[in-house]
Every structure is written in C-alpha cells, then in structure tokens.
C-alpha cells in the first residue's frame, strides 16, 4: 500500500508570489549577500540558514545565503560564482548522500576549486533512524538546525586539515 506523508507543524508565513511571477527552471536566487561563507540551501531548511547567518553575523562572520531551488539542472553559474567569491561553501538539504551536495561537490571539484583551497562541507540527513519527536527536535537530532549550521561553519573556518603521506599508497 502507498502512503502520503504530510509535513507536521506550522509553516513559516511568506507572501505568495503574484500569479505573473515565474520561476526559471535551474535558477537559484541569492537571499542575502556576504563575503566569507556561502550557504547553499535546497528545500525547507532556508529559514534555519537565515537564522544561522544572523548568529554568524554576531560572531563577525559574513554569510551569503542561496536558495538553490533545483538539483537538476544545477545553477552552475551561480554556484561557481559563489565558489570563486567565498572561502567556505556549505550545502544544506533534507536529503541523503548522493543528493544536492554531491552534485555541487562534483561541479566545483571538476572546475578545480578544491585545488585553490575552497573549504566545503555538505550537511545532509544522517544515515540512521531518527526517533519520532517534534519537528524541531528531529532537525536538531539530524544536525540540520540553526545551531548545527553555525557549528559547521565555525568548524570549517577553523579547520587546518593536514594530509599525511602514506608511503604504501605511492
């Protein structure tokens, strides 16, 4: 038997677009401009990204927020522009490995941004069963709430990954 899952809780109120407004397929939109960190959101975590950006601002960290809207086709022009202009890029999605973050990783890897030092992380749902709870508690448990986004950004900004050479791999 098939089941339809309806979201629980109340939605964040937004003005509905006019009937004349069209969304171009494959095009994201910048919600907020910043200089240091770019948060690419896909889906319902956008409000948490906005809250995280406000918290980061109080810590002196300037964040761009992008409402990516599409996985296929990716807005390559927008993503590559953000990769070029920021030190850190984070993707946030209610998906699993192999989703939006993986597509962004492939794009920026193929274009050599990791070679130039771009710090990148993808925030996705964990590969584990989450116990039933309030939506806020489930997002916290999944690591997709405002505090988790802030912690991820701070940890990436402070990371100094050193790759040890393993002679057996030569």
Foldseek 3Di string as FASTA:
>chain_A
DDDDDDDDDDADDDDDDDPPDDDDPQDKDKPDDWFAEEEEEEPDLQVQVVVLQVVVVVVVHTYIYIHQDDQVPHNLVVLVVRLVRYQEYEYAYAADPPTSLVSSCVSCVVVCSVVVRRQYYYQYFDPDDFDDDPPVVSCVVRLSGNVSVNVVVVCSVPDDDDDDDDVVVD
